[in-house]
Amino acid sequence: MIEKIPRSHDNVLGFRVSGDVTREDYEILEPPVQASVDASGSVRLLLDMTDFRWEKVEAWAADLGFGKKYHDSIERMALVGQHEWEKWLTRLAGLFYAREARYFTDVDEAWDWLDS
């Protein structure tokens, strides 16, 4: 499941990614990202993956399409989590999803980085 975090503002958007992500979850993620890109030319994105479990196979195409479409528009991506594998995912995010990506264990530090 993907849900927008109320702390989002301007072109800094945060989303909580929890449980199993489906193709339909990208219908929640993409419209505000597109609106931010349309309004300001770029977006800074926080993904709180603390409760993330897995992405369903059916969502892989949407995931890859999202990365292809928005890579150059995602100025910064902060991934928040508590696991070693999430650090590795951040490396992939820098290649496929954003111009710059960083891993955080503290959500407030992630927001601060995106706001700076």
PDB file of N, CA and C in Angstrom:
ATOM      1  N   MET A   1       0.841  -1.175   0.000  1.00  0.00           N
ATOM      2  CA  MET A   1       0.000   0.000   0.000  1.00  0.00           C
ATOM      3  C   MET A   1       0.891   1.244   0.000  1.00  0.00           C
ATOM      4  N   ILE A   2       0.482   2.244  -0.734  1.00  0.00           N
ATOM      5  CA  ILE A   2       1.178   3.526  -0.767  1.00  0.00           C
ATOM      6  C   ILE A   2       0.175   4.596  -0.361  1.00  0.00           C
ATOM      7  N   GLU A   3       0.575   5.443   0.599  1.00  0.00           N
ATOM      8  CA  GLU A   3      -0.290   6.546   1.006  1.00  0.00           C
ATOM      9  C   GLU A   3       0.546   7.806   1.181  1.00  0.00           C
ATOM     10  N   LYS A   4      -0.026   8.926   0.768  1.00  0.00           N
ATOM     11  CA  LYS A   4       0.665  10.212   0.858  1.00  0.00           C
ATOM     12  C   LYS A   4       0.739  10.652   2.313  1.00  0.00           C
ATOM     13  N   ILE A   5       1.893  11.176   2.698  1.00  0.00           N
ATOM     14  CA  ILE A   5       2.110  11.658   4.059  1.00  0.00           C
ATOM     15  C   ILE A   5       1.683  13.125   4.131  1.00  0.00           C
ATOM     16  N   PRO A   6       0.884  13.496   5.119  1.00  0.00           N
ATOM     17  CA  PRO A   6       0.381  14.868   5.214  1.00  0.00           C
ATOM     18  C   PRO A   6       1.475  15.949   5.299  1.00  0.00           C
ATOM     19  N   ARG A   7       2.654  15.591   5.725  1.00  0.00           N
ATOM     20  CA  ARG A   7       3.750  16.559   5.850  1.00  0.00           C
ATOM     21  C   ARG A   7       4.240  17.044   4.476  1.00  0.00           C
ATOM     22  N   SER A   8       3.780  16.452   3.402  1.00  0.00           N
ATOM     23  CA  SER A   8       4.163  16.857   2.049  1.00  0.00           C
ATOM     24  C   SER A   8       3.804  18.319   1.825  1.00  0.00           C
ATOM     25  N   HIS A   9       4.637  18.992   1.049  1.00  0.00           N
ATOM     26  CA  HIS A   9       4.380  20.393   0.722  1.00  0.00           C
ATOM     27  C   HIS A   9       5.126  20.772  -0.557  1.00  0.00           C
ATOM     28  N   ASP A  10       4.567  21.718  -1.277  1.00  0.00           N
ATOM     29  CA  ASP A  10       5.173  22.223  -2.507  1.00  0.00           C
ATOM     30  C   ASP A  10       5.643  21.057  -3.377  1.00  0.00           C
ATOM     31  N   ASN A  11       6.944  21.051  -3.720  1.00  0.00           N
ATOM     32  CA  ASN A  11       7.453  19.953  -4.547  1.00  0.00           C
ATOM     33  C   ASN A  11       8.202  18.908  -3.717  1.00  0.00           C
ATOM     34  N   VAL A  12       7.953  18.893  -2.405  1.00  0.00           N
ATOM     35  CA  VAL A  12       8.527  17.881  -1.513  1.00  0.00           C
ATOM     36  C   VAL A  12       7.376  16.968  -1.080  1.00  0.00           C
ATOM     37  N   LEU A  13       7.405  15.751  -1.601  1.00  0.00           N
ATOM     38  CA  LEU A  13       6.308  14.813  -1.360  1.00  0.00           C
ATOM     39  C   LEU A  13       6.804  13.596  -0.602  1.00  0.00           C
ATOM     40  N   GLY A  14       6.019  13.157   0.361  1.00  0.00           N
ATOM     41  CA  GLY A  14       6.352  11.968   1.115  1.00  0.00           C
ATOM     42  C   GLY A  14       5.249  10.928   0.998  1.00  0.00           C
ATOM     43  N   PHE A  15       5.668   9.663   0.949  1.00  0.00           N
ATOM     44  CA  PHE A  15       4.725   8.553   0.850  1.00  0.00           C
ATOM     45  C   PHE A  15       5.154   7.444   1.797  1.00  0.00           C
ATOM     46  N   ARG A  16       4.175   6.858   2.464  1.00  0.00           N
ATOM     47  CA  ARG A  16       4.403   5.690   3.307  1.00  0.00           C
ATOM     48  C   ARG A  16       4.138   4.457   2.452  1.00  0.00           C
ATOM     49  N   VAL A  17       5.125   3.588   2.362  1.00  0.00           N
ATOM     50  CA  VAL A  17       5.017   2.370   1.560  1.00  0.00           C
ATOM     51  C   VAL A  17       4.983   1.210   2.551  1.00  0.00           C
ATOM     52  N   SER A  18       3.863   0.495   2.598  1.00  0.00           N
ATOM     53  CA  SER A  18       3.724  -0.558   3.602  1.00  0.00           C
ATOM     54  C   SER A  18       3.096  -1.812   2.989  1.00  0.00           C
ATOM     55  N   GLY A  19       3.345  -2.926   3.652  1.00  0.00           N
ATOM     56  CA  GLY A  19       2.786  -4.193   3.186  1.00  0.00           C
ATOM     57  C   GLY A  19       3.278  -4.541   1.799  1.00  0.00           C
ATOM     58  N   ASP A  20       2.379  -5.075   0.994  1.00  0.00           N
ATOM     59  CA  ASP A  20       2.689  -5.449  -0.388  1.00  0.00           C
ATOM     60  C   ASP A  20       2.185  -4.373  -1.334  1.00  0.00           C
ATOM     61  N   VAL A  21       3.053  -3.899  -2.195  1.00  0.00           N
ATOM     62  CA  VAL A  21       2.699  -2.867  -3.158  1.00  0.00           C
ATOM     63  C   VAL A  21       2.135  -3.533  -4.413  1.00  0.00           C
ATOM     64  N   THR A  22       1.028  -2.974  -4.910  1.00  0.00           N
ATOM     65  CA  THR A  22       0.375  -3.484  -6.112  1.00  0.00           C
ATOM     66  C   THR A  22       0.463  -2.458  -7.240  1.00  0.00           C
ATOM     67  N   ARG A  23       0.072  -2.869  -8.424  1.00  0.00           N
ATOM     68  CA  ARG A  23       0.048  -1.968  -9.578  1.00  0.00           C
ATOM     69  C   ARG A  23      -0.843  -0.763  -9.290  1.00  0.00           C
ATOM     70  N   GLU A  24      -1.965  -0.993  -8.628  1.00  0.00           N
ATOM     71  CA  GLU A  24      -2.902   0.095  -8.325  1.00  0.00           C
ATOM     72  C   GLU A  24      -2.297   1.146  -7.405  1.00  0.00           C
ATOM     73  N   ASP A  25      -1.323   0.770  -6.602  1.00  0.00           N
ATOM     74  CA  ASP A  25      -0.686   1.737  -5.711  1.00  0.00           C
ATOM     75  C   ASP A  25       0.014   2.853  -6.479  1.00  0.00           C
ATOM     76  N   TYR A  26       0.451   2.562  -7.685  1.00  0.00           N
ATOM     77  CA  TYR A  26       1.097   3.600  -8.490  1.00  0.00           C
ATOM     78  C   TYR A  26       0.109   4.664  -8.941  1.00  0.00           C
ATOM     79  N   GLU A  27      -1.182   4.346  -8.909  1.00  0.00           N
ATOM     80  CA  GLU A  27      -2.212   5.335  -9.199  1.00  0.00           C
ATOM     81  C   GLU A  27      -2.341   6.348  -8.066  1.00  0.00           C
ATOM     82  N   ILE A  28      -1.831   6.020  -6.891  1.00  0.00           N
ATOM     83  CA  ILE A  28      -1.786   6.944  -5.757  1.00  0.00           C
ATOM     84  C   ILE A  28      -0.512   7.779  -5.828  1.00  0.00           C
ATOM     85  N   LEU A  29       0.570   7.165  -6.210  1.00  0.00           N
ATOM     86  CA  LEU A  29       1.876   7.813  -6.246  1.00  0.00           C
ATOM     87  C   LEU A  29       2.038   8.768  -7.428  1.00  0.00           C
ATOM     88  N   GLU A  30       1.656   8.335  -8.593  1.00  0.00           N
ATOM     89  CA  GLU A  30       1.985   9.098  -9.798  1.00  0.00           C
ATOM     90  C   GLU A  30       1.288  10.454  -9.935  1.00  0.00           C
ATOM     91  N   PRO A  31      -0.019  10.592  -9.684  1.00  0.00           N
ATOM     92  CA  PRO A  31      -0.654  11.904  -9.898  1.00  0.00           C
ATOM     93  C   PRO A  31      -0.030  13.059  -9.110  1.00  0.00           C
ATOM     94  N   PRO A  32       0.253  12.926  -7.804  1.00  0.00           N
ATOM     95  CA  PRO A  32       0.880  14.070  -7.124  1.00  0.00           C
ATOM     96  C   PRO A  32       2.307  14.330  -7.609  1.00  0.00           C
ATOM     97  N   VAL A  33       3.025  13.272  -7.986  1.00  0.00           N
ATOM     98  CA  VAL A  33       4.370  13.468  -8.536  1.00  0.00           C
ATOM     99  C   VAL A  33       4.272  14.242  -9.844  1.00  0.00           C
ATOM    100  N   GLN A  34       3.361  13.838 -10.712  1.00  0.00           N
ATOM    101  CA  GLN A  34       3.179  14.534 -11.990  1.00  0.00           C
ATOM    102  C   GLN A  34       2.760  15.983 -11.768  1.00  0.00           C
ATOM    103  N   ALA A  35       1.857  16.223 -10.832  1.00  0.00           N
ATOM    104  CA  ALA A  35       1.408  17.586 -10.539  1.00  0.00           C
ATOM    105  C   ALA A  35       2.567  18.449 -10.057  1.00  0.00           C
ATOM    106  N   SER A  36       3.429  17.892  -9.232  1.00  0.00           N
ATOM    107  CA  SER A  36       4.595  18.634  -8.749  1.00  0.00           C
ATOM    108  C   SER A  36       5.562  18.949  -9.885  1.00  0.00           C
ATOM    109  N   VAL A  37       5.790  17.979 -10.737  1.00  0.00           N
ATOM    110  CA  VAL A  37       6.674  18.195 -11.891  1.00  0.00           C
ATOM    111  C   VAL A  37       6.073  19.253 -12.812  1.00  0.00           C
ATOM    112  N   ASP A  38       4.773  19.190 -13.045  1.00  0.00           N
ATOM    113  CA  ASP A  38       4.112  20.190 -13.892  1.00  0.00           C
ATOM    114  C   ASP A  38       4.218  21.587 -13.305  1.00  0.00           C
ATOM    115  N   ALA A  39       4.100  21.697 -11.977  1.00  0.00           N
ATOM    116  CA  ALA A  39       4.099  23.000 -11.315  1.00  0.00           C
ATOM    117  C   ALA A  39       5.500  23.596 -11.148  1.00  0.00           C
ATOM    118  N   SER A  40       6.494  22.747 -10.842  1.00  0.00           N
ATOM    119  CA  SER A  40       7.808  23.305 -10.519  1.00  0.00           C
ATOM    120  C   SER A  40       8.960  22.722 -11.338  1.00  0.00           C
ATOM    121  N   GLY A  41       8.676  21.755 -12.165  1.00  0.00           N
ATOM    122  CA  GLY A  41       9.714  21.169 -13.003  1.00  0.00           C
ATOM    123  C   GLY A  41      10.463  20.009 -12.379  1.00  0.00           C
ATOM    124  N   SER A  42      10.305  19.831 -11.073  1.00  0.00           N
ATOM    125  CA  SER A  42      10.988  18.723 -10.392  1.00  0.00           C
ATOM    126  C   SER A  42      10.234  18.376  -9.119  1.00  0.00           C
ATOM    127  N   VAL A  43      10.662  17.282  -8.501  1.00  0.00           N
ATOM    128  CA  VAL A  43      10.055  16.836  -7.250  1.00  0.00           C
ATOM    129  C   VAL A  43      11.154  16.259  -6.373  1.00  0.00           C
ATOM    130  N   ARG A  44      10.978  16.394  -5.083  1.00  0.00           N
ATOM    131  CA  ARG A  44      11.823  15.737  -4.088  1.00  0.00           C
ATOM    132  C   ARG A  44      10.918  14.750  -3.371  1.00  0.00           C
ATOM    133  N   LEU A  45      11.359  13.512  -3.289  1.00  0.00           N
ATOM    134  CA  LEU A  45      10.469  12.433  -2.884  1.00  0.00           C
ATOM    135  C   LEU A  45      11.011  11.678  -1.681  1.00  0.00           C
ATOM    136  N   LEU A  46      10.149  11.476  -0.679  1.00  0.00           N
ATOM    137  CA  LEU A  46      10.468  10.655   0.479  1.00  0.00           C
ATOM    138  C   LEU A  46       9.607   9.401   0.423  1.00  0.00           C
ATOM    139  N   LEU A  47      10.248   8.240   0.572  1.00  0.00           N
ATOM    140  CA  LEU A  47       9.526   6.980   0.660  1.00  0.00           C
ATOM    141  C   LEU A  47       9.860   6.346   2.005  1.00  0.00           C
ATOM    142  N   ASP A  48       8.885   6.330   2.892  1.00  0.00           N
ATOM    143  CA  ASP A  48       9.056   5.699   4.198  1.00  0.00           C
ATOM    144  C   ASP A  48       8.709   4.222   4.033  1.00  0.00           C
ATOM    145  N   MET A  49       9.753   3.395   4.003  1.00  0.00           N
ATOM    146  CA  MET A  49       9.595   1.975   3.718  1.00  0.00           C
ATOM    147  C   MET A  49       9.698   1.119   4.975  1.00  0.00           C
ATOM    148  N   THR A  50       9.522   1.747   6.132  1.00  0.00           N
ATOM    149  CA  THR A  50       9.675   1.059   7.407  1.00  0.00           C
ATOM    150  C   THR A  50       8.803  -0.197   7.491  1.00  0.00           C
ATOM    151  N   ASP A  51       7.578  -0.136   6.955  1.00  0.00           N
ATOM    152  CA  ASP A  51       6.658  -1.269   7.029  1.00  0.00           C
ATOM    153  C   ASP A  51       6.453  -1.969   5.684  1.00  0.00           C
ATOM    154  N   PHE A  52       7.340  -1.679   4.727  1.00  0.00           N
ATOM    155  CA  PHE A  52       7.250  -2.307   3.403  1.00  0.00           C
ATOM    156  C   PHE A  52       7.608  -3.783   3.503  1.00  0.00           C
ATOM    157  N   ARG A  53       6.856  -4.613   2.793  1.00  0.00           N
ATOM    158  CA  ARG A  53       7.141  -6.035   2.778  1.00  0.00           C
ATOM    159  C   ARG A  53       7.650  -6.477   1.411  1.00  0.00           C
ATOM    160  N   TRP A  54       6.885  -6.230   0.344  1.00  0.00           N
ATOM    161  CA  TRP A  54       7.279  -6.693  -0.978  1.00  0.00           C
ATOM    162  C   TRP A  54       6.451  -5.980  -2.038  1.00  0.00           C
ATOM    163  N   GLU A  55       6.914  -6.052  -3.263  1.00  0.00           N
ATOM    164  CA  GLU A  55       6.153  -5.537  -4.394  1.00  0.00           C
ATOM    165  C   GLU A  55       5.654  -6.717  -5.220  1.00  0.00           C
ATOM    166  N   LYS A  56       4.368  -6.746  -5.462  1.00  0.00           N
ATOM    167  CA  LYS A  56       3.770  -7.823  -6.253  1.00  0.00           C
ATOM    168  C   LYS A  56       4.347  -7.803  -7.672  1.00  0.00           C
ATOM    169  N   VAL A  57       4.475  -8.960  -8.274  1.00  0.00           N
ATOM    170  CA  VAL A  57       5.003  -9.078  -9.631  1.00  0.00           C
ATOM    171  C   VAL A  57       4.216  -8.200 -10.599  1.00  0.00           C
ATOM    172  N   GLU A  58       2.909  -8.132 -10.406  1.00  0.00           N
ATOM    173  CA  GLU A  58       2.055  -7.319 -11.280  1.00  0.00           C
ATOM    174  C   GLU A  58       2.411  -5.832 -11.244  1.00  0.00           C
ATOM    175  N   ALA A  59       3.117  -5.394 -10.211  1.00  0.00           N
ATOM    176  CA  ALA A  59       3.476  -3.986 -10.069  1.00  0.00           C
ATOM    177  C   ALA A  59       4.827  -3.650 -10.688  1.00  0.00           C
ATOM    178  N   TRP A  60       5.596  -4.642 -11.061  1.00  0.00           N
ATOM    179  CA  TRP A  60       6.942  -4.387 -11.554  1.00  0.00           C
ATOM    180  C   TRP A  60       6.966  -3.493 -12.789  1.00  0.00           C
ATOM    181  N   ALA A  61       6.063  -3.701 -13.719  1.00  0.00           N
ATOM    182  CA  ALA A  61       6.038  -2.874 -14.931  1.00  0.00           C
ATOM    183  C   ALA A  61       5.711  -1.424 -14.584  1.00  0.00           C
ATOM    184  N   ALA A  62       4.752  -1.225 -13.681  1.00  0.00           N
ATOM    185  CA  ALA A  62       4.408   0.136 -13.253  1.00  0.00           C
ATOM    186  C   ALA A  62       5.584   0.791 -12.548  1.00  0.00           C
ATOM    187  N   ASP A  63       6.288   0.032 -11.747  1.00  0.00           N
ATOM    188  CA  ASP A  63       7.454   0.522 -11.021  1.00  0.00           C
ATOM    189  C   ASP A  63       8.542   0.967 -11.995  1.00  0.00           C
ATOM    190  N   LEU A  64       8.881   0.102 -12.932  1.00  0.00           N
ATOM    191  CA  LEU A  64       9.912   0.438 -13.913  1.00  0.00           C
ATOM    192  C   LEU A  64       9.484   1.603 -14.802  1.00  0.00           C
ATOM    193  N   GLY A  65       8.217   1.641 -15.173  1.00  0.00           N
ATOM    194  CA  GLY A  65       7.704   2.754 -15.964  1.00  0.00           C
ATOM    195  C   GLY A  65       7.777   4.069 -15.213  1.00  0.00           C
ATOM    196  N   PHE A  66       7.480   4.021 -13.920  1.00  0.00           N
ATOM    197  CA  PHE A  66       7.573   5.214 -13.079  1.00  0.00           C
ATOM    198  C   PHE A  66       9.006   5.741 -13.077  1.00  0.00           C
ATOM    199  N   GLY A  67       9.963   4.843 -12.887  1.00  0.00           N
ATOM    200  CA  GLY A  67      11.359   5.249 -12.878  1.00  0.00           C
ATOM    201  C   GLY A  67      11.800   5.834 -14.199  1.00  0.00           C
ATOM    202  N   LYS A  68      11.406   5.216 -15.268  1.00  0.00           N
ATOM    203  CA  LYS A  68      11.781   5.703 -16.602  1.00  0.00           C
ATOM    204  C   LYS A  68      11.184   7.084 -16.859  1.00  0.00           C
ATOM    205  N   LYS A  69       9.943   7.257 -16.481  1.00  0.00           N
ATOM    206  CA  LYS A  69       9.242   8.516 -16.743  1.00  0.00           C
ATOM    207  C   LYS A  69       9.766   9.670 -15.892  1.00  0.00           C
ATOM    208  N   TYR A  70      10.093   9.399 -14.617  1.00  0.00           N
ATOM    209  CA  TYR A  70      10.382  10.495 -13.686  1.00  0.00           C
ATOM    210  C   TYR A  70      11.843  10.628 -13.265  1.00  0.00           C
ATOM    211  N   HIS A  71      12.715   9.751 -13.705  1.00  0.00           N
ATOM    212  CA  HIS A  71      14.111   9.795 -13.239  1.00  0.00           C
ATOM    213  C   HIS A  71      14.708  11.193 -13.302  1.00  0.00           C
ATOM    214  N   ASP A  72      14.593  11.856 -14.428  1.00  0.00           N
ATOM    215  CA  ASP A  72      15.208  13.177 -14.573  1.00  0.00           C
ATOM    216  C   ASP A  72      14.461  14.265 -13.802  1.00  0.00           C
ATOM    217  N   SER A  73      13.229  14.004 -13.408  1.00  0.00           N
ATOM    218  CA  SER A  73      12.423  14.989 -12.675  1.00  0.00           C
ATOM    219  C   SER A  73      12.510  14.826 -11.168  1.00  0.00           C
ATOM    220  N   ILE A  74      12.958  13.667 -10.699  1.00  0.00           N
ATOM    221  CA  ILE A  74      13.098  13.461  -9.254  1.00  0.00           C
ATOM    222  C   ILE A  74      14.496  13.934  -8.865  1.00  0.00           C
ATOM    223  N   GLU A  75      14.527  15.132  -8.323  1.00  0.00           N
ATOM    224  CA  GLU A  75      15.782  15.781  -7.951  1.00  0.00           C
ATOM    225  C   GLU A  75      16.476  15.030  -6.817  1.00  0.00           C
ATOM    226  N   ARG A  76      15.716  14.687  -5.798  1.00  0.00           N
ATOM    227  CA  ARG A  76      16.230  13.945  -4.644  1.00  0.00           C
ATOM    228  C   ARG A  76      15.200  12.916  -4.212  1.00  0.00           C
ATOM    229  N   MET A  77      15.697  11.754  -3.777  1.00  0.00           N
ATOM    230  CA  MET A  77      14.821  10.719  -3.236  1.00  0.00           C
ATOM    231  C   MET A  77      15.422  10.231  -1.923  1.00  0.00           C
ATOM    232  N   ALA A  78      14.638  10.327  -0.868  1.00  0.00           N
ATOM    233  CA  ALA A  78      15.055   9.841   0.451  1.00  0.00           C
ATOM    234  C   ALA A  78      14.286   8.566   0.745  1.00  0.00           C
ATOM    235  N   LEU A  79      15.006   7.491   1.008  1.00  0.00           N
ATOM    236  CA  LEU A  79      14.384   6.237   1.419  1.00  0.00           C
ATOM    237  C   LEU A  79      14.622   6.058   2.910  1.00  0.00           C
ATOM    238  N   VAL A  80      13.546   5.832   3.648  1.00  0.00           N
ATOM    239  CA  VAL A  80      13.621   5.673   5.093  1.00  0.00           C
ATOM    240  C   VAL A  80      13.285   4.227   5.433  1.00  0.00           C
ATOM    241  N   GLY A  81      14.144   3.625   6.243  1.00  0.00           N
ATOM    242  CA  GLY A  81      13.901   2.242   6.616  1.00  0.00           C
ATOM    243  C   GLY A  81      14.755   1.816   7.787  1.00  0.00           C
ATOM    244  N   GLN A  82      14.752   0.524   8.036  1.00  0.00           N
ATOM    245  CA  GLN A  82      15.465  -0.032   9.190  1.00  0.00           C
ATOM    246  C   GLN A  82      16.248  -1.293   8.829  1.00  0.00           C
ATOM    247  N   HIS A  83      16.397  -1.592   7.528  1.00  0.00           N
ATOM    248  CA  HIS A  83      17.007  -2.848   7.120  1.00  0.00           C
ATOM    249  C   HIS A  83      18.173  -2.625   6.161  1.00  0.00           C
ATOM    250  N   GLU A  84      19.113  -3.529   6.195  1.00  0.00           N
ATOM    251  CA  GLU A  84      20.286  -3.459   5.323  1.00  0.00           C
ATOM    252  C   GLU A  84      19.903  -3.484   3.842  1.00  0.00           C
ATOM    253  N   TRP A  85      18.901  -4.285   3.473  1.00  0.00           N
ATOM    254  CA  TRP A  85      18.521  -4.380   2.066  1.00  0.00           C
ATOM    255  C   TRP A  85      17.979  -3.057   1.536  1.00  0.00           C
ATOM    256  N   GLU A  86      17.426  -2.220   2.422  1.00  0.00           N
ATOM    257  CA  GLU A  86      16.916  -0.914   1.989  1.00  0.00           C
ATOM    258  C   GLU A  86      18.064   0.014   1.591  1.00  0.00           C
ATOM    259  N   LYS A  87      19.222  -0.173   2.219  1.00  0.00           N
ATOM    260  CA  LYS A  87      20.402   0.592   1.800  1.00  0.00           C
ATOM    261  C   LYS A  87      20.772   0.245   0.362  1.00  0.00           C
ATOM    262  N   TRP A  88      20.708  -1.050   0.025  1.00  0.00           N
ATOM    263  CA  TRP A  88      20.994  -1.480  -1.338  1.00  0.00           C
ATOM    264  C   TRP A  88      19.962  -0.932  -2.310  1.00  0.00           C
ATOM    265  N   LEU A  89      18.721  -0.910  -1.887  1.00  0.00           N
ATOM    266  CA  LEU A  89      17.658  -0.375  -2.727  1.00  0.00           C
ATOM    267  C   LEU A  89      17.905   1.100  -3.044  1.00  0.00           C
ATOM    268  N   THR A  90      18.482   1.822  -2.104  1.00  0.00           N
ATOM    269  CA  THR A  90      18.796   3.228  -2.315  1.00  0.00           C
ATOM    270  C   THR A  90      19.810   3.383  -3.448  1.00  0.00           C
ATOM    271  N   ARG A  91      20.758   2.490  -3.535  1.00  0.00           N
ATOM    272  CA  ARG A  91      21.729   2.540  -4.643  1.00  0.00           C
ATOM    273  C   ARG A  91      21.029   2.369  -5.978  1.00  0.00           C
ATOM    274  N   LEU A  92      20.083   1.456  -6.043  1.00  0.00           N
ATOM    275  CA  LEU A  92      19.310   1.275  -7.269  1.00  0.00           C
ATOM    276  C   LEU A  92      18.453   2.499  -7.575  1.00  0.00           C
ATOM    277  N   ALA A  93      17.906   3.098  -6.520  1.00  0.00           N
ATOM    278  CA  ALA A  93      17.071   4.286  -6.711  1.00  0.00           C
ATOM    279  C   ALA A  93      17.860   5.399  -7.384  1.00  0.00           C
ATOM    280  N   GLY A  94      19.128   5.537  -7.001  1.00  0.00           N
ATOM    281  CA  GLY A  94      19.970   6.551  -7.618  1.00  0.00           C
ATOM    282  C   GLY A  94      20.231   6.289  -9.091  1.00  0.00           C
ATOM    283  N   LEU A  95      20.196   5.052  -9.482  1.00  0.00           N
ATOM    284  CA  LEU A  95      20.420   4.703 -10.893  1.00  0.00           C
ATOM    285  C   LEU A  95      19.141   4.798 -11.730  1.00  0.00           C
ATOM    286  N   PHE A  96      18.015   4.337 -11.162  1.00  0.00           N
ATOM    287  CA  PHE A  96      16.807   4.168 -11.953  1.00  0.00           C
ATOM    288  C   PHE A  96      15.670   5.140 -11.646  1.00  0.00           C
ATOM    289  N   TYR A  97      15.706   5.814 -10.503  1.00  0.00           N
ATOM    290  CA  TYR A  97      14.539   6.610 -10.114  1.00  0.00           C
ATOM    291  C   TYR A  97      14.801   8.083  -9.856  1.00  0.00           C
ATOM    292  N   ALA A  98      16.006   8.449  -9.498  1.00  0.00           N
ATOM    293  CA  ALA A  98      16.251   9.825  -9.086  1.00  0.00           C
ATOM    294  C   ALA A  98      17.660  10.266  -9.453  1.00  0.00           C
ATOM    295  N   ARG A  99      17.840  11.576  -9.544  1.00  0.00           N
ATOM    296  CA  ARG A  99      19.174  12.101  -9.802  1.00  0.00           C
ATOM    297  C   ARG A  99      20.093  11.905  -8.602  1.00  0.00           C
ATOM    298  N   GLU A 100      19.505  11.935  -7.393  1.00  0.00           N
ATOM    299  CA  GLU A 100      20.276  11.710  -6.159  1.00  0.00           C
ATOM    300  C   GLU A 100      19.390  10.976  -5.169  1.00  0.00           C
ATOM    301  N   ALA A 101      19.928   9.970  -4.527  1.00  0.00           N
ATOM    302  CA  ALA A 101      19.155   9.193  -3.554  1.00  0.00           C
ATOM    303  C   ALA A 101      20.002   8.946  -2.315  1.00  0.00           C
ATOM    304  N   ARG A 102      19.341   9.000  -1.148  1.00  0.00           N
ATOM    305  CA  ARG A 102      20.015   8.721   0.122  1.00  0.00           C
ATOM    306  C   ARG A 102      19.115   7.881   1.016  1.00  0.00           C
ATOM    307  N   TYR A 103      19.773   7.110   1.873  1.00  0.00           N
ATOM    308  CA  TYR A 103      19.091   6.246   2.826  1.00  0.00           C
ATOM    309  C   TYR A 103      19.133   6.881   4.213  1.00  0.00           C
ATOM    310  N   PHE A 104      18.033   6.800   4.932  1.00  0.00           N
ATOM    311  CA  PHE A 104      17.928   7.340   6.286  1.00  0.00           C
ATOM    312  C   PHE A 104      17.217   6.335   7.188  1.00  0.00           C
ATOM    313  N   THR A 105      17.600   6.332   8.442  1.00  0.00           N
ATOM    314  CA  THR A 105      16.852   5.568   9.434  1.00  0.00           C
ATOM    315  C   THR A 105      15.926   6.485  10.232  1.00  0.00           C
ATOM    316  N   ASP A 106      16.140   7.781  10.139  1.00  0.00           N
ATOM    317  CA  ASP A 106      15.343   8.774  10.858  1.00  0.00           C
ATOM    318  C   ASP A 106      14.544   9.602   9.848  1.00  0.00           C
ATOM    319  N   VAL A 107      13.233   9.559   9.946  1.00  0.00           N
ATOM    320  CA  VAL A 107      12.376  10.232   8.980  1.00  0.00           C
ATOM    321  C   VAL A 107      12.546  11.751   9.022  1.00  0.00           C
ATOM    322  N   ASP A 108      12.785  12.320  10.201  1.00  0.00           N
ATOM    323  CA  ASP A 108      12.965  13.767  10.293  1.00  0.00           C
ATOM    324  C   ASP A 108      14.240  14.217   9.581  1.00  0.00           C
ATOM    325  N   GLU A 109      15.294  13.428   9.674  1.00  0.00           N
ATOM    326  CA  GLU A 109      16.527  13.744   8.942  1.00  0.00           C
ATOM    327  C   GLU A 109      16.281  13.682   7.437  1.00  0.00           C
ATOM    328  N   ALA A 110      15.477  12.743   7.005  1.00  0.00           N
ATOM    329  CA  ALA A 110      15.152  12.633   5.583  1.00  0.00           C
ATOM    330  C   ALA A 110      14.386  13.874   5.101  1.00  0.00           C
ATOM    331  N   TRP A 111      13.388  14.303   5.886  1.00  0.00           N
ATOM    332  CA  TRP A 111      12.654  15.510   5.516  1.00  0.00           C
ATOM    333  C   TRP A 111      13.591  16.717   5.480  1.00  0.00           C
ATOM    334  N   ASP A 112      14.473  16.835   6.467  1.00  0.00           N
ATOM    335  CA  ASP A 112      15.413  17.963   6.498  1.00  0.00           C
ATOM    336  C   ASP A 112      16.273  17.992   5.245  1.00  0.00           C
ATOM    337  N   TRP A 113      16.769  16.817   4.825  1.00  0.00           N
ATOM    338  CA  TRP A 113      17.603  16.750   3.629  1.00  0.00           C
ATOM    339  C   TRP A 113      16.815  17.178   2.381  1.00  0.00           C
ATOM    340  N   LEU A 114      15.583  16.732   2.295  1.00  0.00           N
ATOM    341  CA  LEU A 114      14.773  17.102   1.141  1.00  0.00           C
ATOM    342  C   LEU A 114      14.443  18.587   1.135  1.00  0.00           C
ATOM    343  N   ASP A 115      14.277  19.175   2.308  1.00  0.00           N
ATOM    344  CA  ASP A 115      13.940  20.587   2.411  1.00  0.00           C
ATOM    345  C   ASP A 115      15.144  21.522   2.239  1.00  0.00           C
ATOM    346  N   SER A 116      16.360  20.970   2.311  1.00  0.00           N
ATOM    347  CA  SER A 116      17.550  21.844   2.231  1.00  0.00           C
ATOM    348  C   SER A 116      17.892  22.218   0.802  1.00  0.00           C
TER     349      SER A 116
END
